[in-house]
PDB file of N, CA and C in Angstrom:
ATOM      1  N   MET A   1      77.096 116.878 124.585  1.00  0.00           N
ATOM      2  CA  MET A   1      77.187 115.432 124.445  1.00  0.00           C
ATOM      3  C   MET A   1      75.807 114.829 124.238  1.00  0.00           C
ATOM      4  N   LYS A   2      74.775 115.375 124.920  1.00  0.00           N
ATOM      5  CA  LYS A   2      73.436 114.832 124.785  1.00  0.00           C
ATOM      6  C   LYS A   2      72.960 114.934 123.343  1.00  0.00           C
ATOM      7  N   ARG A   3      73.223 116.074 122.707  1.00  0.00           N
ATOM      8  CA  ARG A   3      72.812 116.237 121.313  1.00  0.00           C
ATOM      9  C   ARG A   3      73.552 115.246 120.422  1.00  0.00           C
ATOM     10  N   THR A   4      74.832 115.025 120.679  1.00  0.00           N
ATOM     11  CA  THR A   4      75.612 114.073 119.902  1.00  0.00           C
ATOM     12  C   THR A   4      75.066 112.664 120.088  1.00  0.00           C
ATOM     13  N   THR A   5      74.735 112.295 121.324  1.00  0.00           N
ATOM     14  CA  THR A   5      74.175 110.981 121.605  1.00  0.00           C
ATOM     15  C   THR A   5      72.842 110.809 120.895  1.00  0.00           C
ATOM     16  N   THR A   6      71.997 111.820 120.955  1.00  0.00           N
ATOM     17  CA  THR A   6      70.703 111.770 120.297  1.00  0.00           C
ATOM     18  C   THR A   6      70.879 111.653 118.794  1.00  0.00           C
ATOM     19  N   LEU A   7      71.808 112.413 118.234  1.00  0.00           N
ATOM     20  CA  LEU A   7      72.074 112.358 116.804  1.00  0.00           C
ATOM     21  C   LEU A   7      72.598 110.987 116.409  1.00  0.00           C
ATOM     22  N   ALA A   8      73.521 110.439 117.212  1.00  0.00           N
ATOM     23  CA  ALA A   8      74.067 109.114 116.920  1.00  0.00           C
ATOM     24  C   ALA A   8      72.963 108.058 116.965  1.00  0.00           C
ATOM     25  N   ALA A   9      72.072 108.149 117.936  1.00  0.00           N
ATOM     26  CA  ALA A   9      70.960 107.205 118.038  1.00  0.00           C
ATOM     27  C   ALA A   9      70.036 107.335 116.831  1.00  0.00           C
ATOM     28  N   ALA A  10      69.792 108.569 116.399  1.00  0.00           N
ATOM     29  CA  ALA A  10      68.921 108.794 115.242  1.00  0.00           C
ATOM     30  C   ALA A  10      69.544 108.225 113.972  1.00  0.00           C
ATOM     31  N   VAL A  11      70.851 108.413 113.805  1.00  0.00           N
ATOM     32  CA  VAL A  11      71.543 107.889 112.622  1.00  0.00           C
ATOM     33  C   VAL A  11      71.512 106.369 112.640  1.00  0.00           C
ATOM     34  N   LEU A  12      71.811 105.784 113.793  1.00  0.00           N
ATOM     35  CA  LEU A  12      71.786 104.332 113.923  1.00  0.00           C
ATOM     36  C   LEU A  12      70.382 103.805 113.676  1.00  0.00           C
ATOM     37  N   THR A  13      69.391 104.477 114.224  1.00  0.00           N
ATOM     38  CA  THR A  13      68.001 104.074 114.031  1.00  0.00           C
ATOM     39  C   THR A  13      67.637 104.105 112.560  1.00  0.00           C
ATOM     40  N   ALA A  14      68.028 105.158 111.878  1.00  0.00           N
ATOM     41  CA  ALA A  14      67.739 105.266 110.445  1.00  0.00           C
ATOM     42  C   ALA A  14      68.453 104.166 109.673  1.00  0.00           C
ATOM     43  N   ALA A  15      69.695 103.887 110.041  1.00  0.00           N
ATOM     44  CA  ALA A  15      70.472 102.863 109.342  1.00  0.00           C
ATOM     45  C   ALA A  15      69.872 101.481 109.542  1.00  0.00           C
ATOM     46  N   LEU A  16      69.330 101.223 110.709  1.00  0.00           N
ATOM     47  CA  LEU A  16      68.745  99.925 110.993  1.00  0.00           C
ATOM     48  C   LEU A  16      67.281  99.847 110.593  1.00  0.00           C
ATOM     49  N   GLY A  17      66.702 100.971 110.212  1.00  0.00           N
ATOM     50  CA  GLY A  17      65.312 101.002 109.795  1.00  0.00           C
ATOM     51  C   GLY A  17      64.342 100.852 110.947  1.00  0.00           C
ATOM     52  N   LEU A  18      64.737 101.278 112.131  1.00  0.00           N
ATOM     53  CA  LEU A  18      63.884 101.184 113.307  1.00  0.00           C
ATOM     54  C   LEU A  18      63.209 102.516 113.588  1.00  0.00           C
ATOM     55  N   ALA A  19      62.099 102.458 114.288  1.00  0.00           N
ATOM     56  CA  ALA A  19      61.405 103.684 114.675  1.00  0.00           C
ATOM     57  C   ALA A  19      61.574 103.877 116.176  1.00  0.00           C
ATOM     58  N   MET A  20      62.107 105.017 116.584  1.00  0.00           N
ATOM     59  CA  MET A  20      62.252 105.356 118.000  1.00  0.00           C
ATOM     60  C   MET A  20      61.615 106.714 118.232  1.00  0.00           C
ATOM     61  N   SER A  21      60.949 106.823 119.344  1.00  0.00           N
ATOM     62  CA  SER A  21      60.363 108.111 119.680  1.00  0.00           C
ATOM     63  C   SER A  21      61.475 109.073 120.057  1.00  0.00           C
ATOM     64  N   PRO A  22      61.244 110.394 119.953  1.00  0.00           N
ATOM     65  CA  PRO A  22      62.263 111.353 120.374  1.00  0.00           C
ATOM     66  C   PRO A  22      62.666 111.166 121.831  1.00  0.00           C
ATOM     67  N   ALA A  23      61.731 110.801 122.691  1.00  0.00           N
ATOM     68  CA  ALA A  23      62.065 110.577 124.105  1.00  0.00           C
ATOM     69  C   ALA A  23      62.996 109.376 124.254  1.00  0.00           C
ATOM     70  N   ALA A  24      62.733 108.328 123.497  1.00  0.00           N
ATOM     71  CA  ALA A  24      63.585 107.144 123.561  1.00  0.00           C
ATOM     72  C   ALA A  24      64.970 107.443 123.025  1.00  0.00           C
ATOM     73  N   GLN A  25      65.045 108.292 121.988  1.00  0.00           N
ATOM     74  CA  GLN A  25      66.341 108.668 121.439  1.00  0.00           C
ATOM     75  C   GLN A  25      67.174 109.400 122.473  1.00  0.00           C
ATOM     76  N   ALA A  26      66.538 110.224 123.283  1.00  0.00           N
ATOM     77  CA  ALA A  26      67.256 111.041 124.260  1.00  0.00           C
ATOM     78  C   ALA A  26      67.847 110.203 125.372  1.00  0.00           C
ATOM     79  N   VAL A  27      67.227 109.050 125.716  1.00  0.00           N
ATOM     80  CA  VAL A  27      67.714 108.260 126.836  1.00  0.00           C
ATOM     81  C   VAL A  27      68.545 107.063 126.409  1.00  0.00           C
ATOM     82  N   GLN A  28      68.554 106.755 125.131  1.00  0.00           N
ATOM     83  CA  GLN A  28      69.303 105.600 124.651  1.00  0.00           C
ATOM     84  C   GLN A  28      70.774 105.958 124.452  1.00  0.00           C
ATOM     85  N   PRO A  29      71.699 105.172 125.024  1.00  0.00           N
ATOM     86  CA  PRO A  29      73.117 105.412 124.759  1.00  0.00           C
ATOM     87  C   PRO A  29      73.446 104.935 123.350  1.00  0.00           C
ATOM     88  N   PRO A  30      74.540 105.419 122.787  1.00  0.00           N
ATOM     89  CA  PRO A  30      74.940 104.931 121.467  1.00  0.00           C
ATOM     90  C   PRO A  30      75.149 103.422 121.531  1.00  0.00           C
ATOM     91  N   VAL A  31      74.771 102.743 120.481  1.00  0.00           N
ATOM     92  CA  VAL A  31      74.860 101.290 120.425  1.00  0.00           C
ATOM     93  C   VAL A  31      75.987 100.909 119.481  1.00  0.00           C
ATOM     94  N   ALA A  32      76.833 100.018 119.938  1.00  0.00           N
ATOM     95  CA  ALA A  32      77.881  99.496 119.067  1.00  0.00           C
ATOM     96  C   ALA A  32      77.262  98.393 118.229  1.00  0.00           C
ATOM     97  N   VAL A  33      77.254  98.550 116.927  1.00  0.00           N
ATOM     98  CA  VAL A  33      76.673  97.563 116.035  1.00  0.00           C
ATOM     99  C   VAL A  33      77.791  96.683 115.510  1.00  0.00           C
ATOM    100  N   ARG A  34      77.633  95.396 115.689  1.00  0.00           N
ATOM    101  CA  ARG A  34      78.624  94.445 115.193  1.00  0.00           C
ATOM    102  C   ARG A  34      78.210  94.005 113.812  1.00  0.00           C
ATOM    103  N   SER A  35      79.066  94.221 112.893  1.00  0.00           N
ATOM    104  CA  SER A  35      78.801  93.885 111.498  1.00  0.00           C
ATOM    105  C   SER A  35      78.774  92.377 111.306  1.00  0.00           C
ATOM    106  N   ALA A  36      78.151  91.933 110.234  1.00  0.00           N
ATOM    107  CA  ALA A  36      78.202  90.522 109.863  1.00  0.00           C
ATOM    108  C   ALA A  36      79.629  90.141 109.507  1.00  0.00           C
ATOM    109  N   GLN A  37      80.438  91.122 109.215  1.00  0.00           N
ATOM    110  CA  GLN A  37      81.843  90.898 108.931  1.00  0.00           C
ATOM    111  C   GLN A  37      82.623  91.200 110.201  1.00  0.00           C
ATOM    112  N   ALA A  38      82.556  90.295 111.139  1.00  0.00           N
ATOM    113  CA  ALA A  38      83.066  90.548 112.471  1.00  0.00           C
ATOM    114  C   ALA A  38      84.580  90.440 112.646  1.00  0.00           C
ATOM    115  N   PRO A  39      85.217  89.341 112.248  1.00  0.00           N
ATOM    116  CA  PRO A  39      86.598  89.179 112.645  1.00  0.00           C
ATOM    117  C   PRO A  39      87.529  90.184 111.986  1.00  0.00           C
ATOM    118  N   ALA A  40      88.500  90.591 112.717  1.00  0.00           N
ATOM    119  CA  ALA A  40      89.557  91.444 112.176  1.00  0.00           C
ATOM    120  C   ALA A  40      90.851  90.959 112.796  1.00  0.00           C
ATOM    121  N   GLY A  41      91.785  90.574 111.993  1.00  0.00           N
ATOM    122  CA  GLY A  41      93.046  90.075 112.504  1.00  0.00           C
ATOM    123  C   GLY A  41      93.761  89.292 111.431  1.00  0.00           C
ATOM    124  N   VAL A  42      94.826  88.662 111.841  1.00  0.00           N
ATOM    125  CA  VAL A  42      95.633  87.895 110.894  1.00  0.00           C
ATOM    126  C   VAL A  42      95.413  86.411 111.153  1.00  0.00           C
ATOM    127  N   CYS A  43      95.143  85.682 110.096  1.00  0.00           N
ATOM    128  CA  CYS A  43      95.035  84.225 110.147  1.00  0.00           C
ATOM    129  C   CYS A  43      96.151  83.646 109.278  1.00  0.00           C
ATOM    130  N   THR A  44      96.525  82.407 109.582  1.00  0.00           N
ATOM    131  CA  THR A  44      97.574  81.723 108.826  1.00  0.00           C
ATOM    132  C   THR A  44      97.027  80.416 108.278  1.00  0.00           C
ATOM    133  N   VAL A  45      97.286  80.161 107.010  1.00  0.00           N
ATOM    134  CA  VAL A  45      96.865  78.924 106.361  1.00  0.00           C
ATOM    135  C   VAL A  45      97.646  77.768 106.990  1.00  0.00           C
ATOM    136  N   ASN A  46      96.939  76.652 107.291  1.00  0.00           N
ATOM    137  CA  ASN A  46      97.566  75.538 108.012  1.00  0.00           C
ATOM    138  C   ASN A  46      97.763  74.273 107.173  1.00  0.00           C
ATOM    139  N   ASP A  47      97.599  74.367 105.855  1.00  0.00           N
ATOM    140  CA  ASP A  47      97.777  73.191 104.988  1.00  0.00           C
ATOM    141  C   ASP A  47      98.250  73.663 103.617  1.00  0.00           C
ATOM    142  N   ASN A  48      98.730  72.742 102.807  1.00  0.00           N
ATOM    143  CA  ASN A  48      99.178  73.072 101.451  1.00  0.00           C
ATOM    144  C   ASN A  48      98.069  72.833 100.434  1.00  0.00           C
ATOM    145  N   GLY A  49      98.064  73.631  99.368  1.00  0.00           N
ATOM    146  CA  GLY A  49      97.096  73.473  98.297  1.00  0.00           C
ATOM    147  C   GLY A  49      95.679  73.852  98.672  1.00  0.00           C
ATOM    148  N   VAL A  50      95.548  74.800  99.584  1.00  0.00           N
ATOM    149  CA  VAL A  50      94.222  75.240 100.053  1.00  0.00           C
ATOM    150  C   VAL A  50      93.613  76.197  99.033  1.00  0.00           C
ATOM    151  N   ASN A  51      92.384  75.894  98.618  1.00  0.00           N
ATOM    152  CA  ASN A  51      91.677  76.760  97.679  1.00  0.00           C
ATOM    153  C   ASN A  51      91.239  78.054  98.349  1.00  0.00           C
ATOM    154  N   PHE A  52      91.367  79.156  97.632  1.00  0.00           N
ATOM    155  CA  PHE A  52      90.661  80.369  98.041  1.00  0.00           C
ATOM    156  C   PHE A  52      89.648  80.667  96.953  1.00  0.00           C
ATOM    157  N   ARG A  53      88.487  81.152  97.385  1.00  0.00           N
ATOM    158  CA  ARG A  53      87.341  81.244  96.504  1.00  0.00           C
ATOM    159  C   ARG A  53      86.798  82.659  96.391  1.00  0.00           C
ATOM    160  N   GLY A  54      85.892  82.830  95.456  1.00  0.00           N
ATOM    161  CA  GLY A  54      85.262  84.121  95.219  1.00  0.00           C
ATOM    162  C   GLY A  54      84.076  84.389  96.114  1.00  0.00           C
ATOM    163  N   GLY A  55      83.705  83.446  96.965  1.00  0.00           N
ATOM    164  CA  GLY A  55      82.571  83.613  97.864  1.00  0.00           C
ATOM    165  C   GLY A  55      82.604  82.560  98.956  1.00  0.00           C
ATOM    166  N   PRO A  56      81.674  82.662  99.900  1.00  0.00           N
ATOM    167  CA  PRO A  56      81.683  81.801 101.087  1.00  0.00           C
ATOM    168  C   PRO A  56      80.992  80.454 100.873  1.00  0.00           C
ATOM    169  N   GLY A  57      81.568  79.605 100.051  1.00  0.00           N
ATOM    170  CA  GLY A  57      80.998  78.280  99.846  1.00  0.00           C
ATOM    171  C   GLY A  57      81.686  77.546  98.721  1.00  0.00           C
ATOM    172  N   GLU A  58      81.497  76.232  98.706  1.00  0.00           N
ATOM    173  CA  GLU A  58      82.127  75.408  97.674  1.00  0.00           C
ATOM    174  C   GLU A  58      81.523  75.627  96.297  1.00  0.00           C
ATOM    175  N   ASN A  59      80.365  76.259  96.244  1.00  0.00           N
ATOM    176  CA  ASN A  59      79.733  76.539  94.960  1.00  0.00           C
ATOM    177  C   ASN A  59      80.326  77.775  94.280  1.00  0.00           C
ATOM    178  N   PHE A  60      81.196  78.504  94.966  1.00  0.00           N
ATOM    179  CA  PHE A  60      81.847  79.675  94.376  1.00  0.00           C
ATOM    180  C   PHE A  60      83.134  79.237  93.676  1.00  0.00           C
ATOM    181  N   PRO A  61      83.532  79.960  92.638  1.00  0.00           N
ATOM    182  CA  PRO A  61      84.710  79.541  91.873  1.00  0.00           C
ATOM    183  C   PRO A  61      86.005  79.612  92.674  1.00  0.00           C
ATOM    184  N   VAL A  62      86.880  78.650  92.409  1.00  0.00           N
ATOM    185  CA  VAL A  62      88.228  78.657  92.992  1.00  0.00           C
ATOM    186  C   VAL A  62      89.038  79.693  92.228  1.00  0.00           C
ATOM    187  N   LEU A  63      89.612  80.643  92.959  1.00  0.00           N
ATOM    188  CA  LEU A  63      90.414  81.699  92.337  1.00  0.00           C
ATOM    189  C   LEU A  63      91.891  81.368  92.343  1.00  0.00           C
ATOM    190  N   GLY A  64      92.279  80.436  93.214  1.00  0.00           N
ATOM    191  CA  GLY A  64      93.682  80.060  93.322  1.00  0.00           C
ATOM    192  C   GLY A  64      93.909  79.168  94.520  1.00  0.00           C
ATOM    193  N   LYS A  65      95.173  78.873  94.786  1.00  0.00           N
ATOM    194  CA  LYS A  65      95.549  78.020  95.909  1.00  0.00           C
ATOM    195  C   LYS A  65      96.660  78.692  96.708  1.00  0.00           C
ATOM    196  N   VAL A  66      96.686  78.397  98.011  1.00  0.00           N
ATOM    197  CA  VAL A  66      97.736  78.902  98.899  1.00  0.00           C
ATOM    198  C   VAL A  66      98.290  77.736  99.702  1.00  0.00           C
ATOM    199  N   ASN A  67      99.464  77.951 100.265  1.00  0.00           N
ATOM    200  CA  ASN A  67     100.128  76.911 101.040  1.00  0.00           C
ATOM    201  C   ASN A  67     100.277  77.304 102.501  1.00  0.00           C
ATOM    202  N   SER A  68     100.625  76.317 103.292  1.00  0.00           N
ATOM    203  CA  SER A  68     100.825  76.504 104.724  1.00  0.00           C
ATOM    204  C   SER A  68     101.784  77.670 104.988  1.00  0.00           C
ATOM    205  N   GLY A  69     101.408  78.506 105.928  1.00  0.00           N
ATOM    206  CA  GLY A  69     102.232  79.662 106.284  1.00  0.00           C
ATOM    207  C   GLY A  69     101.783  80.964 105.652  1.00  0.00           C
ATOM    208  N   GLN A  70     100.933  80.884 104.616  1.00  0.00           N
ATOM    209  CA  GLN A  70     100.407  82.103 103.978  1.00  0.00           C
ATOM    210  C   GLN A  70      99.505  82.828 104.967  1.00  0.00           C
ATOM    211  N   ASN A  71      99.675  84.133 105.081  1.00  0.00           N
ATOM    212  CA  ASN A  71      98.849  84.941 105.974  1.00  0.00           C
ATOM    213  C   ASN A  71      97.735  85.641 105.206  1.00  0.00           C
ATOM    214  N   ILE A  72      96.656  85.876 105.923  1.00  0.00           N
ATOM    215  CA  ILE A  72      95.512  86.593 105.376  1.00  0.00           C
ATOM    216  C   ILE A  72      94.986  87.553 106.442  1.00  0.00           C
ATOM    217  N   ASN A  73      94.758  88.786 106.046  1.00  0.00           N
ATOM    218  CA  ASN A  73      94.120  89.750 106.944  1.00  0.00           C
ATOM    219  C   ASN A  73      92.623  89.477 106.898  1.00  0.00           C
ATOM    220  N   ALA A  74      92.105  88.844 107.945  1.00  0.00           N
ATOM    221  CA  ALA A  74      90.685  88.507 108.001  1.00  0.00           C
ATOM    222  C   ALA A  74      89.881  89.774 108.231  1.00  0.00           C
ATOM    223  N   ARG A  75      88.833  89.957 107.416  1.00  0.00           N
ATOM    224  CA  ARG A  75      87.987  91.128 107.606  1.00  0.00           C
ATOM    225  C   ARG A  75      86.507  90.818 107.506  1.00  0.00           C
ATOM    226  N   GLY A  76      86.185  89.529 107.527  1.00  0.00           N
ATOM    227  CA  GLY A  76      84.783  89.158 107.516  1.00  0.00           C
ATOM    228  C   GLY A  76      84.603  87.669 107.671  1.00  0.00           C
ATOM    229  N   GLN A  77      83.396  87.294 108.044  1.00  0.00           N
ATOM    230  CA  GLN A  77      83.093  85.877 108.179  1.00  0.00           C
ATOM    231  C   GLN A  77      81.624  85.654 107.856  1.00  0.00           C
ATOM    232  N   GLN A  78      81.360  84.580 107.151  1.00  0.00           N
ATOM    233  CA  GLN A  78      79.998  84.139 106.906  1.00  0.00           C
ATOM    234  C   GLN A  78      79.986  82.633 107.116  1.00  0.00           C
ATOM    235  N   GLY A  79      79.275  82.201 108.116  1.00  0.00           N
ATOM    236  CA  GLY A  79      79.285  80.775 108.459  1.00  0.00           C
ATOM    237  C   GLY A  79      80.696  80.328 108.796  1.00  0.00           C
ATOM    238  N   ASN A  80      81.155  79.278 108.129  1.00  0.00           N
ATOM    239  CA  ASN A  80      82.501  78.734 108.363  1.00  0.00           C
ATOM    240  C   ASN A  80      83.531  79.253 107.377  1.00  0.00           C
ATOM    241  N   TRP A  81      83.242  80.374 106.765  1.00  0.00           N
ATOM    242  CA  TRP A  81      84.157  80.940 105.765  1.00  0.00           C
ATOM    243  C   TRP A  81      84.658  82.305 106.216  1.00  0.00           C
ATOM    244  N   ILE A  82      85.968  82.494 106.090  1.00  0.00           N
ATOM    245  CA  ILE A  82      86.616  83.772 106.422  1.00  0.00           C
ATOM    246  C   ILE A  82      86.929  84.497 105.123  1.00  0.00           C
ATOM    247  N   MET A  83      86.602  85.785 105.086  1.00  0.00           N
ATOM    248  CA  MET A  83      86.926  86.621 103.932  1.00  0.00           C
ATOM    249  C   MET A  83      88.047  87.560 104.335  1.00  0.00           C
ATOM    250  N   GLY A  84      89.006  87.733 103.440  1.00  0.00           N
ATOM    251  CA  GLY A  84      90.096  88.640 103.753  1.00  0.00           C
ATOM    252  C   GLY A  84      91.015  88.873 102.577  1.00  0.00           C
ATOM    253  N   ASP A  85      92.153  89.475 102.911  1.00  0.00           N
ATOM    254  CA  ASP A  85      93.140  89.874 101.918  1.00  0.00           C
ATOM    255  C   ASP A  85      94.421  89.076 102.138  1.00  0.00           C
ATOM    256  N   LEU A  86      94.814  88.311 101.121  1.00  0.00           N
ATOM    257  CA  LEU A  86      96.056  87.539 101.216  1.00  0.00           C
ATOM    258  C   LEU A  86      97.252  88.475 101.190  1.00  0.00           C
ATOM    259  N   TRP A  87      98.219  88.213 102.053  1.00  0.00           N
ATOM    260  CA  TRP A  87      99.434  89.023 102.057  1.00  0.00           C
ATOM    261  C   TRP A  87     100.157  88.808 100.730  1.00  0.00           C
ATOM    262  N   GLY A  88     100.396  89.901 100.009  1.00  0.00           N
ATOM    263  CA  GLY A  88     101.098  89.834  98.739  1.00  0.00           C
ATOM    264  C   GLY A  88     100.279  89.198  97.627  1.00  0.00           C
ATOM    265  N   GLY A  89      98.962  89.145  97.803  1.00  0.00           N
ATOM    266  CA  GLY A  89      98.132  88.499  96.798  1.00  0.00           C
ATOM    267  C   GLY A  89      96.763  89.141  96.681  1.00  0.00           C
ATOM    268  N   PRO A  90      95.812  88.372  96.172  1.00  0.00           N
ATOM    269  CA  PRO A  90      94.463  88.894  95.951  1.00  0.00           C
ATOM    270  C   PRO A  90      93.766  89.324  97.231  1.00  0.00           C
ATOM    271  N   THR A  91      92.807  90.198  97.076  1.00  0.00           N
ATOM    272  CA  THR A  91      92.016  90.696  98.206  1.00  0.00           C
ATOM    273  C   THR A  91      90.572  90.230  98.057  1.00  0.00           C
ATOM    274  N   GLY A  92      89.863  90.197  99.184  1.00  0.00           N
ATOM    275  CA  GLY A  92      88.455  89.820  99.172  1.00  0.00           C
ATOM    276  C   GLY A  92      88.216  88.363  98.834  1.00  0.00           C
ATOM    277  N   VAL A  93      89.134  87.490  99.239  1.00  0.00           N
ATOM    278  CA  VAL A  93      88.994  86.063  98.959  1.00  0.00           C
ATOM    279  C   VAL A  93      88.428  85.343 100.182  1.00  0.00           C
ATOM    280  N   TRP A  94      87.893  84.157  99.968  1.00  0.00           N
ATOM    281  CA  TRP A  94      87.260  83.372 101.022  1.00  0.00           C
ATOM    282  C   TRP A  94      87.981  82.043 101.202  1.00  0.00           C
ATOM    283  N   ILE A  95      88.253  81.687 102.478  1.00  0.00           N
ATOM    284  CA  ILE A  95      88.890  80.416 102.820  1.00  0.00           C
ATOM    285  C   ILE A  95      88.107  79.796 103.974  1.00  0.00           C
ATOM    286  N   HIS A  96      87.909  78.494 103.918  1.00  0.00           N
ATOM    287  CA  HIS A  96      87.180  77.784 104.988  1.00  0.00           C
ATOM    288  C   HIS A  96      87.999  77.824 106.265  1.00  0.00           C
ATOM    289  N   VAL A  97      87.321  77.973 107.408  1.00  0.00           N
ATOM    290  CA  VAL A  97      88.008  78.098 108.698  1.00  0.00           C
ATOM    291  C   VAL A  97      88.826  76.867 109.058  1.00  0.00           C
ATOM    292  N   ALA A  98      88.482  75.704 108.518  1.00  0.00           N
ATOM    293  CA  ALA A  98      89.240  74.492 108.829  1.00  0.00           C
ATOM    294  C   ALA A  98      90.694  74.582 108.369  1.00  0.00           C
ATOM    295  N   TYR A  99      90.956  75.468 107.404  1.00  0.00           N
ATOM    296  CA  TYR A  99      92.306  75.610 106.849  1.00  0.00           C
ATOM    297  C   TYR A  99      93.033  76.836 107.363  1.00  0.00           C
ATOM    298  N   LEU A 100      92.491  77.446 108.422  1.00  0.00           N
ATOM    299  CA  LEU A 100      93.093  78.671 108.974  1.00  0.00           C
ATOM    300  C   LEU A 100      93.304  78.555 110.473  1.00  0.00           C
ATOM    301  N   ASN A 101      94.393  79.135 110.935  1.00  0.00           N
ATOM    302  CA  ASN A 101      94.625  79.341 112.362  1.00  0.00           C
ATOM    303  C   ASN A 101      94.499  80.837 112.614  1.00  0.00           C
ATOM    304  N   CYS A 102      93.464  81.215 113.328  1.00  0.00           N
ATOM    305  CA  CYS A 102      93.217  82.638 113.571  1.00  0.00           C
ATOM    306  C   CYS A 102      93.391  82.970 115.047  1.00  0.00           C
TER     307      CYS A 102
END
């Protein structure tokens, strides 16, 4: 287990671009890294005619509209925008949190 922990710390260190001494690697427990794409779950659209976009902001193109009751598998968030996959529709779309119940 110690070798696995050390290896996991080394991989994480390399991924984060940090420098750790071998002694520090041996005593550090594995770290759970929370991605910038944190939320995971189902959200429901709470209004009609809600735009979904190609990115997290009003400056991104509108790809379509959804109505109240539409579900989305949330798989990321940037600021006040949730990114996810619409049930039965496009994937990787962005909707403002004001229009979602998560």
